[in-house]
PDB file of all heavy atoms in Angstrom:
ATOM      1  N   PRO A   1      -0.589   1.421   5.067  1.00  0.00           N
ATOM      2  CA  PRO A   1      -0.452   2.284   3.886  1.00  0.00           C
ATOM      3  C   PRO A   1       0.926   2.906   3.732  1.00  0.00           C
ATOM      4  O   PRO A   1       1.404   3.075   2.606  1.00  0.00           O
ATOM      5  CB  PRO A   1      -1.530   3.353   4.091  1.00  0.00           C
ATOM      6  CG  PRO A   1      -1.836   3.314   5.561  1.00  0.00           C
ATOM      7  CD  PRO A   1      -1.641   1.910   5.982  1.00  0.00           C
ATOM      8  N   TYR A   2       1.583   3.247   4.851  1.00  0.00           N
ATOM      9  CA  TYR A   2       2.902   3.854   4.715  1.00  0.00           C
ATOM     10  C   TYR A   2       3.922   2.840   4.214  1.00  0.00           C
ATOM     11  O   TYR A   2       4.837   3.185   3.450  1.00  0.00           O
ATOM     12  CB  TYR A   2       3.336   4.485   6.038  1.00  0.00           C
ATOM     13  CG  TYR A   2       2.542   5.727   6.362  1.00  0.00           C
ATOM     14  CD1 TYR A   2       1.582   5.733   7.365  1.00  0.00           C
ATOM     15  CD2 TYR A   2       2.731   6.904   5.622  1.00  0.00           C
ATOM     16  CE1 TYR A   2       0.840   6.867   7.648  1.00  0.00           C
ATOM     17  CE2 TYR A   2       1.989   8.045   5.893  1.00  0.00           C
ATOM     18  CZ  TYR A   2       1.046   8.025   6.903  1.00  0.00           C
ATOM     19  OH  TYR A   2       0.303   9.157   7.163  1.00  0.00           O
ATOM     20  N   ALA A   3       3.765   1.576   4.621  1.00  0.00           N
ATOM     21  CA  ALA A   3       4.636   0.533   4.080  1.00  0.00           C
ATOM     22  C   ALA A   3       4.383   0.351   2.592  1.00  0.00           C
ATOM     23  O   ALA A   3       5.331   0.233   1.800  1.00  0.00           O
ATOM     24  CB  ALA A   3       4.420  -0.782   4.831  1.00  0.00           C
ATOM     25  N   ASP A   4       3.121   0.326   2.187  1.00  0.00           N
ATOM     26  CA  ASP A   4       2.797   0.209   0.766  1.00  0.00           C
ATOM     27  C   ASP A   4       3.413   1.364  -0.026  1.00  0.00           C
ATOM     28  O   ASP A   4       3.974   1.167  -1.116  1.00  0.00           O
ATOM     29  CB  ASP A   4       1.283   0.205   0.565  1.00  0.00           C
ATOM     30  CG  ASP A   4       0.618  -1.084   1.018  1.00  0.00           C
ATOM     31  OD1 ASP A   4       1.332  -1.992   1.501  1.00  0.00           O
ATOM     32  OD2 ASP A   4      -0.619  -1.186   0.893  1.00  0.00           O
ATOM     33  N   MET A   5       3.293   2.573   0.512  1.00  0.00           N
ATOM     34  CA  MET A   5       3.863   3.741  -0.153  1.00  0.00           C
ATOM     35  C   MET A   5       5.371   3.610  -0.315  1.00  0.00           C
ATOM     36  O   MET A   5       5.931   3.910  -1.376  1.00  0.00           O
ATOM     37  CB  MET A   5       3.553   5.010   0.652  1.00  0.00           C
ATOM     38  CG  MET A   5       2.118   5.481   0.604  1.00  0.00           C
ATOM     39  SD  MET A   5       1.807   6.783   1.836  1.00  0.00           S
ATOM     40  CE  MET A   5       2.999   8.012   1.356  1.00  0.00           C
ATOM     41  N   GLU A   6       6.033   3.139   0.751  1.00  0.00           N
ATOM     42  CA  GLU A   6       7.490   3.049   0.699  1.00  0.00           C
ATOM     43  C   GLU A   6       7.948   1.953  -0.246  1.00  0.00           C
ATOM     44  O   GLU A   6       8.952   2.114  -0.963  1.00  0.00           O
ATOM     45  CB  GLU A   6       8.047   2.814   2.109  1.00  0.00           C
ATOM     46  CG  GLU A   6       9.566   2.719   2.188  1.00  0.00           C
ATOM     47  CD  GLU A   6      10.288   3.984   1.741  1.00  0.00           C
ATOM     48  OE1 GLU A   6       9.640   5.050   1.594  1.00  0.00           O
ATOM     49  OE2 GLU A   6      11.518   3.903   1.524  1.00  0.00           O
ATOM     50  N   VAL A   7       7.248   0.832  -0.272  1.00  0.00           N
ATOM     51  CA  VAL A   7       7.592  -0.225  -1.221  1.00  0.00           C
ATOM     52  C   VAL A   7       7.475   0.301  -2.653  1.00  0.00           C
ATOM     53  O   VAL A   7       8.365   0.093  -3.488  1.00  0.00           O
ATOM     54  CB  VAL A   7       6.698  -1.458  -1.012  1.00  0.00           C
ATOM     55  CG1 VAL A   7       6.830  -2.431  -2.181  1.00  0.00           C
ATOM     56  CG2 VAL A   7       7.058  -2.168   0.289  1.00  0.00           C
ATOM     57  N   LYS A   8       6.374   0.983  -2.941  1.00  0.00           N
ATOM     58  CA  LYS A   8       6.193   1.547  -4.287  1.00  0.00           C
ATOM     59  C   LYS A   8       7.322   2.537  -4.602  1.00  0.00           C
ATOM     60  O   LYS A   8       7.893   2.506  -5.707  1.00  0.00           O
ATOM     61  CB  LYS A   8       4.840   2.248  -4.401  1.00  0.00           C
ATOM     62  CG  LYS A   8       4.648   3.006  -5.722  1.00  0.00           C
ATOM     63  CD  LYS A   8       3.275   3.649  -5.817  1.00  0.00           C
ATOM     64  CE  LYS A   8       3.209   4.633  -6.976  1.00  0.00           C
ATOM     65  NZ  LYS A   8       3.540   4.032  -8.279  1.00  0.00           N
ATOM     66  N   ARG A   9       7.660   3.382  -3.632  1.00  0.00           N
ATOM     67  CA  ARG A   9       8.716   4.370  -3.877  1.00  0.00           C
ATOM     68  C   ARG A   9      10.038   3.685  -4.206  1.00  0.00           C
ATOM     69  O   ARG A   9      10.752   4.076  -5.143  1.00  0.00           O
ATOM     70  CB  ARG A   9       8.892   5.274  -2.654  1.00  0.00           C
ATOM     71  CG  ARG A   9       9.888   6.418  -2.894  1.00  0.00           C
ATOM     72  CD  ARG A   9      10.399   7.017  -1.608  1.00  0.00           C
ATOM     73  NE  ARG A   9      11.254   6.079  -0.868  1.00  0.00           N
ATOM     74  CZ  ARG A   9      12.518   5.796  -1.190  1.00  0.00           C
ATOM     75  NH1 ARG A   9      13.081   6.335  -2.265  1.00  0.00           N
ATOM     76  NH2 ARG A   9      13.212   4.940  -0.472  1.00  0.00           N
ATOM     77  N   ARG A  10      10.377   2.652  -3.437  1.00  0.00           N
ATOM     78  CA  ARG A  10      11.659   1.976  -3.648  1.00  0.00           C
ATOM     79  C   ARG A  10      11.690   1.246  -4.989  1.00  0.00           C
ATOM     80  O   ARG A  10      12.714   1.239  -5.667  1.00  0.00           O
ATOM     81  CB  ARG A  10      11.926   0.998  -2.499  1.00  0.00           C
ATOM     82  CG  ARG A  10      12.168   1.684  -1.170  1.00  0.00           C
ATOM     83  CD  ARG A  10      12.573   0.691  -0.109  1.00  0.00           C
ATOM     84  NE  ARG A  10      12.685   1.341   1.185  1.00  0.00           N
ATOM     85  CZ  ARG A  10      13.264   0.791   2.246  1.00  0.00           C
ATOM     86  NH1 ARG A  10      13.776  -0.418   2.163  1.00  0.00           N
ATOM     87  NH2 ARG A  10      13.310   1.447   3.386  1.00  0.00           N
ATOM     88  N   ILE A  11      10.577   0.619  -5.340  1.00  0.00           N
ATOM     89  CA  ILE A  11      10.526  -0.047  -6.645  1.00  0.00           C
ATOM     90  C   ILE A  11      10.678   0.973  -7.765  1.00  0.00           C
ATOM     91  O   ILE A  11      11.466   0.787  -8.705  1.00  0.00           O
ATOM     92  CB  ILE A  11       9.222  -0.844  -6.798  1.00  0.00           C
ATOM     93  CG1 ILE A  11       9.200  -2.040  -5.824  1.00  0.00           C
ATOM     94  CG2 ILE A  11       9.045  -1.325  -8.233  1.00  0.00           C
ATOM     95  CD1 ILE A  11       7.868  -2.746  -5.756  1.00  0.00           C
ATOM     96  N   ASP A  12       9.928   2.057  -7.684  1.00  0.00           N
ATOM     97  CA  ASP A  12       9.998   3.082  -8.729  1.00  0.00           C
ATOM     98  C   ASP A  12      11.393   3.686  -8.838  1.00  0.00           C
ATOM     99  O   ASP A  12      11.828   4.078  -9.930  1.00  0.00           O
ATOM    100  CB  ASP A  12       8.978   4.190  -8.456  1.00  0.00           C
ATOM    101  CG  ASP A  12       7.539   3.738  -8.639  1.00  0.00           C
ATOM    102  OD1 ASP A  12       7.319   2.646  -9.203  1.00  0.00           O
ATOM    103  OD2 ASP A  12       6.624   4.476  -8.211  1.00  0.00           O
ATOM    104  N   ALA A  13      12.108   3.747  -7.698  1.00  0.00           N
ATOM    105  CA  ALA A  13      13.453   4.320  -7.690  1.00  0.00           C
ATOM    106  C   ALA A  13      14.517   3.297  -8.071  1.00  0.00           C
ATOM    107  O   ALA A  13      15.704   3.645  -8.142  1.00  0.00           O
ATOM    108  CB  ALA A  13      13.753   4.894  -6.307  1.00  0.00           C
ATOM    109  N   GLY A  14      14.132   2.053  -8.307  1.00  0.00           N
ATOM    110  CA  GLY A  14      15.096   1.022  -8.655  1.00  0.00           C
ATOM    111  C   GLY A  14      15.881   0.494  -7.486  1.00  0.00           C
ATOM    112  O   GLY A  14      16.924  -0.157  -7.658  1.00  0.00           O
ATOM    113  N   GLU A  15      15.380   0.727  -6.270  1.00  0.00           N
ATOM    114  CA  GLU A  15      16.089   0.280  -5.075  1.00  0.00           C
ATOM    115  C   GLU A  15      15.738  -1.150  -4.683  1.00  0.00           C
ATOM    116  O   GLU A  15      16.442  -1.749  -3.869  1.00  0.00           O
ATOM    117  CB  GLU A  15      15.781   1.224  -3.909  1.00  0.00           C
ATOM    118  CG  GLU A  15      16.254   2.648  -4.136  1.00  0.00           C
ATOM    119  CD  GLU A  15      15.770   3.611  -3.072  1.00  0.00           C
ATOM    120  OE1 GLU A  15      15.223   3.145  -2.049  1.00  0.00           O
ATOM    121  OE2 GLU A  15      15.938   4.830  -3.261  1.00  0.00           O
ATOM    122  N   MET A  16      14.662  -1.681  -5.223  1.00  0.00           N
ATOM    123  CA  MET A  16      14.270  -3.053  -4.942  1.00  0.00           C
ATOM    124  C   MET A  16      13.440  -3.571  -6.106  1.00  0.00           C
ATOM    125  O   MET A  16      12.821  -2.780  -6.830  1.00  0.00           O
ATOM    126  CB  MET A  16      13.487  -3.165  -3.625  1.00  0.00           C
ATOM    127  CG  MET A  16      12.172  -2.414  -3.593  1.00  0.00           C
ATOM    128  SD  MET A  16      11.351  -2.493  -1.971  1.00  0.00           S
ATOM    129  CE  MET A  16      10.783  -4.195  -1.935  1.00  0.00           C
ATOM    130  N   PRO A  17      13.428  -4.884  -6.330  1.00  0.00           N
ATOM    131  CA  PRO A  17      12.637  -5.430  -7.435  1.00  0.00           C
ATOM    132  C   PRO A  17      11.166  -5.534  -7.068  1.00  0.00           C
ATOM    133  O   PRO A  17      10.801  -5.735  -5.907  1.00  0.00           O
ATOM    134  CB  PRO A  17      13.245  -6.822  -7.630  1.00  0.00           C
ATOM    135  CG  PRO A  17      13.738  -7.195  -6.268  1.00  0.00           C
ATOM    136  CD  PRO A  17      14.205  -5.914  -5.630  1.00  0.00           C
ATOM    137  N   GLY A  18      10.322  -5.407  -8.069  1.00  0.00           N
ATOM    138  CA  GLY A  18       8.890  -5.533  -7.842  1.00  0.00           C
ATOM    139  C   GLY A  18       8.115  -4.969  -9.014  1.00  0.00           C
ATOM    140  O   GLY A  18       8.687  -4.364  -9.927  1.00  0.00           O
ATOM    141  N   PRO A  19       6.807  -5.154  -9.013  1.00  0.00           N
ATOM    142  CA  PRO A  19       5.977  -4.660 -10.113  1.00  0.00           C
ATOM    143  C   PRO A  19       5.677  -3.178  -9.991  1.00  0.00           C
ATOM    144  O   PRO A  19       5.942  -2.555  -8.954  1.00  0.00           O
ATOM    145  CB  PRO A  19       4.694  -5.479  -9.942  1.00  0.00           C
ATOM    146  CG  PRO A  19       4.614  -5.713  -8.458  1.00  0.00           C
ATOM    147  CD  PRO A  19       6.036  -5.873  -7.990  1.00  0.00           C
ATOM    148  N   LYS A  20       5.127  -2.628 -11.038  1.00  0.00           N
ATOM    149  CA  LYS A  20       4.558  -1.279 -10.960  1.00  0.00           C
ATOM    150  C   LYS A  20       3.298  -1.371 -10.101  1.00  0.00           C
ATOM    151  O   LYS A  20       2.451  -2.232 -10.326  1.00  0.00           O
ATOM    152  CB  LYS A  20       4.220  -0.769 -12.361  1.00  0.00           C
ATOM    153  CG  LYS A  20       5.425  -0.725 -13.295  1.00  0.00           C
ATOM    154  CD  LYS A  20       5.015  -0.540 -14.754  1.00  0.00           C
ATOM    155  CE  LYS A  20       6.239  -0.610 -15.656  1.00  0.00           C
ATOM    156  NZ  LYS A  20       5.887  -0.534 -17.097  1.00  0.00           N
ATOM    157  N   ILE A  21       3.163  -0.477  -9.132  1.00  0.00           N
ATOM    158  CA  ILE A  21       2.077  -0.597  -8.160  1.00  0.00           C
ATOM    159  C   ILE A  21       1.145   0.602  -8.244  1.00  0.00           C
ATOM    160  O   ILE A  21       1.581   1.754  -8.198  1.00  0.00           O
ATOM    161  CB  ILE A  21       2.627  -0.717  -6.729  1.00  0.00           C
ATOM    162  CG1 ILE A  21       3.523  -1.949  -6.601  1.00  0.00           C
ATOM    163  CG2 ILE A  21       1.484  -0.792  -5.716  1.00  0.00           C
ATOM    164  CD1 ILE A  21       4.152  -2.124  -5.219  1.00  0.00           C
ATOM    165  N   HIS A  22      -0.147   0.314  -8.351  1.00  0.00           N
ATOM    166  CA  HIS A  22      -1.207   1.310  -8.190  1.00  0.00           C
ATOM    167  C   HIS A  22      -1.791   1.107  -6.800  1.00  0.00           C
ATOM    168  O   HIS A  22      -2.259   0.010  -6.465  1.00  0.00           O
ATOM    169  CB  HIS A  22      -2.279   1.136  -9.264  1.00  0.00           C
ATOM    170  CG  HIS A  22      -1.779   1.362 -10.661  1.00  0.00           C
ATOM    171  ND1 HIS A  22      -2.120   2.475 -11.402  1.00  0.00           N
ATOM    172  CD2 HIS A  22      -0.957   0.619 -11.448  1.00  0.00           C
ATOM    173  CE1 HIS A  22      -1.533   2.410 -12.585  1.00  0.00           C
ATOM    174  NE2 HIS A  22      -0.820   1.287 -12.639  1.00  0.00           N
ATOM    175  N   LEU A  23      -1.784   2.149  -5.998  1.00  0.00           N
ATOM    176  CA  LEU A  23      -2.124   2.024  -4.586  1.00  0.00           C
ATOM    177  C   LEU A  23      -3.597   2.283  -4.313  1.00  0.00           C
ATOM    178  O   LEU A  23      -4.163   3.272  -4.780  1.00  0.00           O
ATOM    179  CB  LEU A  23      -1.291   2.996  -3.754  1.00  0.00           C
ATOM    180  CG  LEU A  23       0.217   2.735  -3.691  1.00  0.00           C
ATOM    181  CD1 LEU A  23       0.905   3.885  -2.960  1.00  0.00           C
ATOM    182  CD2 LEU A  23       0.508   1.413  -3.000  1.00  0.00           C
ATOM    183  N   THR A  24      -4.198   1.389  -3.537  1.00  0.00           N
ATOM    184  CA  THR A  24      -5.555   1.589  -3.017  1.00  0.00           C
ATOM    185  C   THR A  24      -5.456   1.996  -1.556  1.00  0.00           C
ATOM    186  O   THR A  24      -4.699   1.400  -0.779  1.00  0.00           O
ATOM    187  CB  THR A  24      -6.392   0.310  -3.156  1.00  0.00           C
ATOM    188  OG1 THR A  24      -6.528   0.006  -4.547  1.00  0.00           O
ATOM    189  CG2 THR A  24      -7.777   0.487  -2.553  1.00  0.00           C
ATOM    190  N   ALA A  25      -6.230   3.000  -1.178  1.00  0.00           N
ATOM    191  CA  ALA A  25      -6.178   3.569   0.174  1.00  0.00           C
ATOM    192  C   ALA A  25      -6.660   2.560   1.219  1.00  0.00           C
ATOM    193  O   ALA A  25      -7.222   1.516   0.884  1.00  0.00           O
ATOM    194  CB  ALA A  25      -7.049   4.822   0.213  1.00  0.00           C
ATOM    195  N   PRO A  26      -6.466   2.868   2.503  1.00  0.00           N
ATOM    196  CA  PRO A  26      -7.056   2.032   3.549  1.00  0.00           C
ATOM    197  C   PRO A  26      -8.557   1.871   3.326  1.00  0.00           C
ATOM    198  O   PRO A  26      -9.226   2.775   2.822  1.00  0.00           O
ATOM    199  CB  PRO A  26      -6.758   2.820   4.826  1.00  0.00           C
ATOM    200  CG  PRO A  26      -5.494   3.561   4.514  1.00  0.00           C
ATOM    201  CD  PRO A  26      -5.616   3.938   3.059  1.00  0.00           C
ATOM    202  N   TYR A  27      -9.054   0.717   3.711  1.00  0.00           N
ATOM    203  CA  TYR A  27     -10.454   0.366   3.482  1.00  0.00           C
ATOM    204  C   TYR A  27     -11.402   1.431   4.055  1.00  0.00           C
ATOM    205  O   TYR A  27     -11.180   1.946   5.156  1.00  0.00           O
ATOM    206  CB  TYR A  27     -10.783  -0.949   4.171  1.00  0.00           C
ATOM    207  CG  TYR A  27     -10.019  -2.146   3.682  1.00  0.00           C
ATOM    208  CD1 TYR A  27      -8.661  -2.299   3.964  1.00  0.00           C
ATOM    209  CD2 TYR A  27     -10.648  -3.148   2.956  1.00  0.00           C
ATOM    210  CE1 TYR A  27      -7.956  -3.406   3.536  1.00  0.00           C
ATOM    211  CE2 TYR A  27      -9.954  -4.268   2.520  1.00  0.00           C
ATOM    212  CZ  TYR A  27      -8.602  -4.389   2.812  1.00  0.00           C
ATOM    213  OH  TYR A  27      -7.905  -5.491   2.391  1.00  0.00           O
ATOM    214  N   VAL A  28     -12.446   1.729   3.294  1.00  0.00           N
ATOM    215  CA  VAL A  28     -13.531   2.569   3.813  1.00  0.00           C
ATOM    216  C   VAL A  28     -14.596   1.615   4.325  1.00  0.00           C
ATOM    217  O   VAL A  28     -15.395   1.065   3.561  1.00  0.00           O
ATOM    218  CB  VAL A  28     -14.084   3.509   2.729  1.00  0.00           C
ATOM    219  CG1 VAL A  28     -15.145   4.424   3.322  1.00  0.00           C
ATOM    220  CG2 VAL A  28     -12.957   4.337   2.113  1.00  0.00           C
ATOM    221  N   GLU A  29     -14.579   1.370   5.615  1.00  0.00           N
ATOM    222  CA  GLU A  29     -15.445   0.393   6.263  1.00  0.00           C
ATOM    223  C   GLU A  29     -16.431   1.110   7.178  1.00  0.00           C
ATOM    224  O   GLU A  29     -16.130   2.196   7.697  1.00  0.00           O
ATOM    225  CB  GLU A  29     -14.582  -0.598   7.061  1.00  0.00           C
ATOM    226  CG  GLU A  29     -15.315  -1.520   8.023  1.00  0.00           C
ATOM    227  CD  GLU A  29     -16.228  -2.550   7.367  1.00  0.00           C
ATOM    228  OE1 GLU A  29     -17.046  -2.131   6.528  1.00  0.00           O
ATOM    229  OE2 GLU A  29     -16.139  -3.729   7.734  1.00  0.00           O
ATOM    230  N   GLY A  30     -17.605   0.511   7.348  1.00  0.00           N
ATOM    231  CA  GLY A  30     -18.577   1.046   8.277  1.00  0.00           C
ATOM    232  C   GLY A  30     -18.583   0.253   9.572  1.00  0.00           C
ATOM    233  O   GLY A  30     -18.024  -0.848   9.634  1.00  0.00           O
ATOM    234  N   PRO A  31     -19.202   0.793  10.605  1.00  0.00           N
ATOM    235  CA  PRO A  31     -19.271   0.051  11.859  1.00  0.00           C
ATOM    236  C   PRO A  31     -20.293  -1.077  11.767  1.00  0.00           C
ATOM    237  O   PRO A  31     -21.272  -0.964  11.013  1.00  0.00           O
ATOM    238  CB  PRO A  31     -19.700   1.121  12.866  1.00  0.00           C
ATOM    239  CG  PRO A  31     -20.466   2.120  12.043  1.00  0.00           C
ATOM    240  CD  PRO A  31     -19.811   2.115  10.696  1.00  0.00           C
ATOM    241  N   PRO A  32     -20.068  -2.197  12.494  1.00  0.00           N
ATOM    242  CA  PRO A  32     -18.893  -2.441  13.338  1.00  0.00           C
ATOM    243  C   PRO A  32     -17.796  -3.125  12.524  1.00  0.00           C
ATOM    244  O   PRO A  32     -18.070  -4.088  11.808  1.00  0.00           O
ATOM    245  CB  PRO A  32     -19.442  -3.398  14.394  1.00  0.00           C
ATOM    246  CG  PRO A  32     -20.483  -4.192  13.651  1.00  0.00           C
ATOM    247  CD  PRO A  32     -21.094  -3.259  12.636  1.00  0.00           C
ATOM    248  N   SER A  33     -16.560  -2.648  12.619  1.00  0.00           N
ATOM    249  CA  SER A  33     -15.462  -3.298  11.910  1.00  0.00           C
ATOM    250  C   SER A  33     -15.146  -4.624  12.591  1.00  0.00           C
ATOM    251  O   SER A  33     -14.890  -4.663  13.788  1.00  0.00           O
ATOM    252  CB  SER A  33     -14.220  -2.412  11.908  1.00  0.00           C
ATOM    253  OG  SER A  33     -13.143  -3.102  11.320  1.00  0.00           O
ATOM    254  N   SER A  34     -15.190  -5.702  11.823  1.00  0.00           N
ATOM    255  CA  SER A  34     -14.922  -7.027  12.381  1.00  0.00           C
ATOM    256  C   SER A  34     -13.444  -7.366  12.366  1.00  0.00           C
ATOM    257  O   SER A  34     -13.043  -8.415  12.866  1.00  0.00           O
ATOM    258  CB  SER A  34     -15.697  -8.089  11.589  1.00  0.00           C
ATOM    259  OG  SER A  34     -15.352  -8.028  10.216  1.00  0.00           O
ATOM    260  N   ILE A  35     -12.626  -6.502  11.786  1.00  0.00           N
ATOM    261  CA  ILE A  35     -11.179  -6.716  11.705  1.00  0.00           C
ATOM    262  C   ILE A  35     -10.501  -5.583  12.458  1.00  0.00           C
ATOM    263  O   ILE A  35     -10.711  -4.402  12.152  1.00  0.00           O
ATOM    264  CB  ILE A  35     -10.710  -6.759  10.240  1.00  0.00           C
ATOM    265  CG1 ILE A  35     -11.417  -7.910   9.503  1.00  0.00           C
ATOM    266  CG2 ILE A  35      -9.203  -6.911  10.151  1.00  0.00           C
ATOM    267  CD1 ILE A  35     -11.127  -7.957   8.024  1.00  0.00           C
ATOM    268  N   THR A  36      -9.686  -5.932  13.452  1.00  0.00           N
ATOM    269  CA  THR A  36      -9.112  -4.909  14.326  1.00  0.00           C
ATOM    270  C   THR A  36      -8.198  -3.946  13.591  1.00  0.00           C
ATOM    271  O   THR A  36      -7.973  -2.830  14.061  1.00  0.00           O
ATOM    272  CB  THR A  36      -8.326  -5.566  15.476  1.00  0.00           C
ATOM    273  OG1 THR A  36      -7.331  -6.443  14.926  1.00  0.00           O
ATOM    274  CG2 THR A  36      -9.245  -6.354  16.384  1.00  0.00           C
TER     275      THR A  36
END
C-alpha cells in the first residue's frame, strides 16, 4: 500500500507518467489466508 500511495502521489505531482489512480486498501481477508 505504501508503494501504491507513493506512485499515486508522484503521478499527481507530475513527477512520473501514469493514470489517475483510485486506491483500494489492503485486502480484508479472513482466516486462513492462503497468500502469505
